[in-house]
Each structure stands twice: as structure tokens, then as C-alpha cells.
Amino acid sequence: PDDLSEAEKKLWLKDWVSSEAGLAFEKQRNERFQLSIQNYGARISKDGSFQIDAVPRGLYKLSIQLDERPQKDTFQSANWASIEMPVEIAEREVNLGRIVLEPAQ
């Protein structure tokens, strides 16, 4: 409500979030968020390229995580390199260019 002071707004919000209406709103918001999450997987070719098919147009966060090195006997560790970057899918084919992965900390 606009006619409340800042202190009154905080109290109102605290009461509302635990109310039946507030809980229903939060549940619906969480359900919409879960429906909006989409994961796509891909195998990386020996030359380092990968392809992900049937991705609808939109703005995505590309998250790449490698879980083991190509020579398994030299190093084994979960998440040895990773990167996150925004990607906009506007065309049928998108070339992301060279992506350099940073070693995991």
C-alpha cells in the first residue's frame, strides 16, 4: 500500500508473506520459475566443438562444466573447469566462437 510509512510497509509485508494470499503467491511464483528452467546437454567432440539442437529463441545463461579430463589417468576431479556466460538465441544456428574455460578453484 502506498499510503503507509516505510516502517508500516515492512510490517504489512511481514504479515502478508505469511498470510494465505502471500503463501499462495509465493507458491505460484516458484512454480512459474521452475517451469522456466530448461537444461540442455551436449557431448564435446575431440576437436572441442559441441552442438545443442532444438533450443528455442530466447536469452539463456550458458553454463559449461567439465567433470573429468580427456586423459582420465592423469587427473580426476569433479568440476575441474567451468564458465558461465549469457547467450542470445535469435537465429537457427549460433556460433559462440572460442570459449576459454577457467580452472576450478
N, C-alpha and C. Protein backbone atom coordinates (compact mmCIF):
# COMPACT_ATOMS: atom_id res chain seq x y z
N PRO A 1 0.82 -1.21 0.00
CA PRO A 1 0.00 0.00 0.00
C PRO A 1 0.86 1.26 0.00
N ASP A 2 0.51 2.21 -0.83
CA ASP A 2 1.28 3.44 -0.99
C ASP A 2 1.12 4.43 0.16
N ASP A 3 0.01 4.33 0.90
CA ASP A 3 -0.25 5.32 1.94
C ASP A 3 0.39 4.97 3.28
N LEU A 4 1.28 4.00 3.33
CA LEU A 4 1.94 3.60 4.58
C LEU A 4 3.35 4.16 4.65
N SER A 5 3.81 4.35 5.89
CA SER A 5 5.21 4.75 6.08
C SER A 5 6.10 3.54 5.78
N GLU A 6 7.40 3.76 5.70
CA GLU A 6 8.33 2.65 5.43
C GLU A 6 8.24 1.58 6.51
N ALA A 7 8.15 1.99 7.76
CA ALA A 7 8.04 1.04 8.87
C ALA A 7 6.73 0.25 8.78
N GLU A 8 5.65 0.95 8.44
CA GLU A 8 4.35 0.28 8.30
C GLU A 8 4.36 -0.68 7.11
N LYS A 9 5.03 -0.30 6.02
CA LYS A 9 5.13 -1.19 4.85
C LYS A 9 5.87 -2.48 5.21
N LYS A 10 6.95 -2.35 5.99
CA LYS A 10 7.71 -3.54 6.41
C LYS A 10 6.84 -4.47 7.24
N LEU A 11 6.08 -3.91 8.17
CA LEU A 11 5.18 -4.73 8.99
C LEU A 11 4.10 -5.38 8.14
N TRP A 12 3.52 -4.60 7.22
CA TRP A 12 2.48 -5.13 6.33
C TRP A 12 3.03 -6.29 5.50
N LEU A 13 4.23 -6.12 4.94
CA LEU A 13 4.83 -7.16 4.12
C LEU A 13 5.12 -8.40 4.95
N LYS A 14 5.63 -8.20 6.15
CA LYS A 14 5.93 -9.34 7.04
C LYS A 14 4.65 -10.15 7.30
N ASP A 15 3.56 -9.46 7.56
CA ASP A 15 2.28 -10.16 7.78
C ASP A 15 1.77 -10.81 6.51
N TRP A 16 1.90 -10.10 5.39
CA TRP A 16 1.34 -10.61 4.13
C TRP A 16 2.05 -11.88 3.67
N VAL A 17 3.39 -11.94 3.76
CA VAL A 17 4.10 -13.10 3.24
C VAL A 17 3.74 -14.38 3.99
N SER A 18 3.29 -14.26 5.23
CA SER A 18 2.88 -15.45 5.97
C SER A 18 1.38 -15.69 5.91
N SER A 19 0.67 -14.81 5.20
CA SER A 19 -0.78 -14.99 5.05
C SER A 19 -1.08 -16.03 3.99
N GLU A 20 -2.32 -16.46 3.92
CA GLU A 20 -2.75 -17.44 2.91
C GLU A 20 -2.50 -16.89 1.50
N ALA A 21 -2.82 -15.62 1.29
CA ALA A 21 -2.62 -15.00 -0.03
C ALA A 21 -1.13 -14.91 -0.37
N GLY A 22 -0.32 -14.52 0.61
CA GLY A 22 1.12 -14.41 0.38
C GLY A 22 1.75 -15.76 0.09
N LEU A 23 1.37 -16.78 0.83
CA LEU A 23 1.90 -18.13 0.61
C LEU A 23 1.48 -18.67 -0.76
N ALA A 24 0.22 -18.40 -1.15
CA ALA A 24 -0.25 -18.84 -2.47
C ALA A 24 0.51 -18.12 -3.57
N PHE A 25 0.75 -16.82 -3.40
CA PHE A 25 1.51 -16.06 -4.39
C PHE A 25 2.91 -16.63 -4.53
N GLU A 26 3.59 -16.88 -3.42
CA GLU A 26 4.96 -17.42 -3.45
C GLU A 26 5.00 -18.80 -4.10
N LYS A 27 4.02 -19.64 -3.81
CA LYS A 27 3.96 -20.97 -4.42
C LYS A 27 3.80 -20.86 -5.93
N GLN A 28 2.90 -19.99 -6.38
CA GLN A 28 2.68 -19.81 -7.82
C GLN A 28 3.92 -19.24 -8.48
N ARG A 29 4.61 -18.30 -7.84
CA ARG A 29 5.83 -17.72 -8.39
C ARG A 29 6.92 -18.78 -8.51
N ASN A 30 7.07 -19.62 -7.52
CA ASN A 30 8.06 -20.70 -7.58
C ASN A 30 7.74 -21.70 -8.68
N GLU A 31 6.46 -22.02 -8.85
CA GLU A 31 6.06 -22.95 -9.92
C GLU A 31 6.38 -22.36 -11.29
N ARG A 32 6.09 -21.07 -11.49
CA ARG A 32 6.41 -20.43 -12.77
C ARG A 32 7.92 -20.43 -13.02
N PHE A 33 8.69 -20.18 -11.98
CA PHE A 33 10.15 -20.18 -12.11
C PHE A 33 10.65 -21.57 -12.50
N GLN A 34 10.15 -22.60 -11.84
CA GLN A 34 10.58 -23.96 -12.15
C GLN A 34 10.24 -24.34 -13.59
N LEU A 35 9.10 -23.89 -14.08
CA LEU A 35 8.72 -24.17 -15.47
C LEU A 35 9.61 -23.44 -16.46
N SER A 36 10.20 -22.32 -16.03
CA SER A 36 11.03 -21.53 -16.94
C SER A 36 12.45 -22.09 -17.06
N ILE A 37 12.84 -22.99 -16.17
CA ILE A 37 14.19 -23.55 -16.21
C ILE A 37 14.24 -24.67 -17.23
N GLN A 38 15.21 -24.61 -18.12
CA GLN A 38 15.39 -25.64 -19.14
C GLN A 38 16.87 -25.96 -19.23
N ASN A 39 17.18 -27.22 -19.19
CA ASN A 39 18.56 -27.66 -19.31
C ASN A 39 18.75 -28.42 -20.61
N TYR A 40 19.86 -28.18 -21.27
CA TYR A 40 20.23 -28.88 -22.50
C TYR A 40 21.63 -29.44 -22.30
N GLY A 41 21.83 -30.66 -22.70
CA GLY A 41 23.14 -31.27 -22.56
C GLY A 41 23.78 -31.50 -23.92
N ALA A 42 25.08 -31.67 -23.93
CA ALA A 42 25.79 -31.92 -25.18
C ALA A 42 27.08 -32.67 -24.89
N ARG A 43 27.53 -33.44 -25.85
CA ARG A 43 28.83 -34.08 -25.78
C ARG A 43 29.83 -33.21 -26.53
N ILE A 44 31.02 -33.13 -26.01
CA ILE A 44 32.05 -32.33 -26.65
C ILE A 44 32.87 -33.25 -27.54
N SER A 45 33.02 -32.86 -28.81
CA SER A 45 33.79 -33.63 -29.78
C SER A 45 35.28 -33.53 -29.47
N LYS A 46 36.07 -34.39 -30.08
CA LYS A 46 37.52 -34.38 -29.86
C LYS A 46 38.14 -33.04 -30.23
N ASP A 47 37.54 -32.34 -31.20
CA ASP A 47 38.09 -31.04 -31.59
C ASP A 47 37.60 -29.91 -30.67
N GLY A 48 36.80 -30.24 -29.66
CA GLY A 48 36.33 -29.25 -28.71
C GLY A 48 34.99 -28.63 -29.07
N SER A 49 34.44 -28.97 -30.22
CA SER A 49 33.16 -28.38 -30.63
C SER A 49 31.99 -29.14 -29.98
N PHE A 50 30.87 -28.46 -29.90
CA PHE A 50 29.65 -29.11 -29.40
C PHE A 50 28.46 -28.49 -30.09
N GLN A 51 27.35 -29.22 -30.10
CA GLN A 51 26.13 -28.76 -30.75
C GLN A 51 24.96 -29.12 -29.86
N ILE A 52 24.06 -28.17 -29.67
CA ILE A 52 22.84 -28.40 -28.91
C ILE A 52 21.68 -28.09 -29.85
N ASP A 53 20.85 -29.09 -30.13
CA ASP A 53 19.76 -28.93 -31.08
C ASP A 53 18.45 -28.55 -30.39
N ALA A 54 17.56 -27.96 -31.16
CA ALA A 54 16.18 -27.65 -30.75
C ALA A 54 16.10 -26.72 -29.54
N VAL A 55 16.91 -25.68 -29.54
CA VAL A 55 16.85 -24.68 -28.47
C VAL A 55 15.99 -23.52 -28.99
N PRO A 56 14.87 -23.23 -28.33
CA PRO A 56 14.02 -22.13 -28.79
C PRO A 56 14.73 -20.78 -28.66
N ARG A 57 14.27 -19.81 -29.46
CA ARG A 57 14.82 -18.46 -29.37
C ARG A 57 14.65 -17.93 -27.95
N GLY A 58 15.59 -17.10 -27.54
CA GLY A 58 15.49 -16.51 -26.20
C GLY A 58 16.86 -16.20 -25.65
N LEU A 59 16.88 -15.69 -24.44
CA LEU A 59 18.12 -15.35 -23.75
C LEU A 59 18.40 -16.43 -22.72
N TYR A 60 19.60 -16.98 -22.77
CA TYR A 60 19.99 -18.09 -21.90
C TYR A 60 21.27 -17.76 -21.17
N LYS A 61 21.52 -18.50 -20.10
CA LYS A 61 22.81 -18.47 -19.43
C LYS A 61 23.48 -19.80 -19.77
N LEU A 62 24.57 -19.71 -20.55
CA LEU A 62 25.33 -20.90 -20.89
C LEU A 62 26.25 -21.23 -19.73
N SER A 63 26.14 -22.41 -19.23
CA SER A 63 26.98 -22.86 -18.14
C SER A 63 27.65 -24.15 -18.58
N ILE A 64 28.97 -24.13 -18.68
CA ILE A 64 29.73 -25.30 -19.11
C ILE A 64 30.51 -25.80 -17.92
N GLN A 65 30.41 -27.07 -17.67
CA GLN A 65 31.16 -27.68 -16.58
C GLN A 65 31.75 -29.00 -17.08
N LEU A 66 33.04 -29.14 -16.98
CA LEU A 66 33.71 -30.38 -17.35
C LEU A 66 34.03 -31.14 -16.07
N ASP A 67 33.68 -32.41 -16.05
CA ASP A 67 33.84 -33.17 -14.82
C ASP A 67 35.05 -34.08 -14.81
N GLU A 68 35.67 -34.30 -15.96
CA GLU A 68 36.91 -35.09 -15.96
C GLU A 68 37.73 -34.74 -17.18
N ARG A 69 39.02 -34.88 -17.06
CA ARG A 69 39.90 -34.57 -18.18
C ARG A 69 39.84 -35.68 -19.22
N PRO A 70 40.21 -35.36 -20.49
CA PRO A 70 40.21 -36.40 -21.53
C PRO A 70 41.10 -37.59 -21.18
N GLN A 71 42.25 -37.38 -20.55
CA GLN A 71 43.12 -38.49 -20.13
C GLN A 71 42.80 -38.78 -18.67
N LYS A 72 41.90 -39.70 -18.46
CA LYS A 72 41.40 -39.97 -17.12
C LYS A 72 42.49 -40.36 -16.14
N ASP A 73 43.56 -40.99 -16.61
CA ASP A 73 44.58 -41.46 -15.69
C ASP A 73 45.50 -40.35 -15.20
N THR A 74 45.44 -39.15 -15.78
CA THR A 74 46.33 -38.06 -15.36
C THR A 74 45.72 -37.20 -14.25
N PHE A 75 44.40 -37.10 -14.22
CA PHE A 75 43.77 -36.21 -13.24
C PHE A 75 42.30 -36.53 -13.18
N GLN A 76 41.78 -36.76 -11.99
CA GLN A 76 40.34 -36.99 -11.84
C GLN A 76 39.81 -36.07 -10.76
N SER A 77 38.85 -35.32 -11.09
CA SER A 77 38.24 -34.42 -10.13
C SER A 77 36.91 -33.95 -10.68
N ALA A 78 35.95 -33.73 -9.80
CA ALA A 78 34.69 -33.16 -10.24
C ALA A 78 34.90 -31.68 -10.54
N ASN A 79 34.32 -31.21 -11.60
CA ASN A 79 34.32 -29.79 -11.97
C ASN A 79 35.74 -29.20 -12.00
N TRP A 80 36.54 -29.67 -12.91
CA TRP A 80 37.91 -29.13 -12.99
C TRP A 80 37.99 -27.85 -13.80
N ALA A 81 36.96 -27.54 -14.59
CA ALA A 81 36.93 -26.27 -15.33
C ALA A 81 35.48 -25.90 -15.60
N SER A 82 35.19 -24.60 -15.60
CA SER A 82 33.82 -24.19 -15.85
C SER A 82 33.77 -22.74 -16.32
N ILE A 83 32.62 -22.37 -16.87
CA ILE A 83 32.37 -20.99 -17.29
C ILE A 83 30.86 -20.77 -17.33
N GLU A 84 30.44 -19.54 -17.11
CA GLU A 84 29.05 -19.14 -17.31
C GLU A 84 29.07 -17.87 -18.15
N MET A 85 28.16 -17.79 -19.13
CA MET A 85 28.09 -16.60 -19.97
C MET A 85 26.69 -16.47 -20.55
N PRO A 86 26.19 -15.24 -20.75
CA PRO A 86 24.88 -15.06 -21.38
C PRO A 86 24.95 -15.34 -22.87
N VAL A 87 23.89 -15.94 -23.40
CA VAL A 87 23.82 -16.26 -24.83
C VAL A 87 22.41 -15.94 -25.32
N GLU A 88 22.32 -15.21 -26.42
CA GLU A 88 21.02 -14.95 -27.02
C GLU A 88 20.86 -15.81 -28.26
N ILE A 89 19.80 -16.61 -28.28
CA ILE A 89 19.50 -17.47 -29.43
C ILE A 89 18.46 -16.72 -30.27
N ALA A 90 18.89 -16.17 -31.39
CA ALA A 90 17.99 -15.41 -32.25
C ALA A 90 17.91 -16.03 -33.64
N GLU A 91 18.87 -16.83 -34.00
CA GLU A 91 18.93 -17.46 -35.32
C GLU A 91 18.91 -18.97 -35.15
N ARG A 92 18.75 -19.67 -36.26
CA ARG A 92 18.72 -21.13 -36.22
C ARG A 92 20.07 -21.69 -35.76
N GLU A 93 21.15 -21.05 -36.16
CA GLU A 93 22.48 -21.51 -35.78
C GLU A 93 23.26 -20.37 -35.17
N VAL A 94 23.86 -20.61 -34.01
CA VAL A 94 24.64 -19.59 -33.32
C VAL A 94 26.04 -20.14 -33.11
N ASN A 95 27.03 -19.38 -33.58
CA ASN A 95 28.42 -19.76 -33.36
C ASN A 95 28.94 -18.90 -32.22
N LEU A 96 29.30 -19.54 -31.12
CA LEU A 96 29.75 -18.82 -29.94
C LEU A 96 31.23 -18.47 -30.00
N GLY A 97 31.91 -18.93 -31.06
CA GLY A 97 33.33 -18.66 -31.16
C GLY A 97 34.11 -19.51 -30.17
N ARG A 98 35.29 -19.07 -29.85
CA ARG A 98 36.15 -19.81 -28.92
C ARG A 98 35.75 -19.47 -27.48
N ILE A 99 35.54 -20.48 -26.67
CA ILE A 99 35.21 -20.30 -25.26
C ILE A 99 36.37 -20.85 -24.45
N VAL A 100 36.94 -20.03 -23.61
CA VAL A 100 38.08 -20.45 -22.79
C VAL A 100 37.56 -20.75 -21.38
N LEU A 101 37.80 -21.95 -20.92
CA LEU A 101 37.36 -22.35 -19.59
C LEU A 101 38.42 -21.99 -18.55
N GLU A 102 37.95 -21.59 -17.40
CA GLU A 102 38.85 -21.27 -16.29
C GLU A 102 38.93 -22.49 -15.38
N PRO A 103 40.15 -22.81 -14.91
CA PRO A 103 40.28 -23.94 -13.97
C PRO A 103 39.45 -23.69 -12.71
N ALA A 104 38.86 -24.74 -12.20
CA ALA A 104 38.09 -24.63 -10.97
C ALA A 104 39.01 -24.32 -9.81
N GLN A 105 38.51 -23.59 -8.86
CA GLN A 105 39.29 -23.21 -7.68
C GLN A 105 39.28 -24.34 -6.67
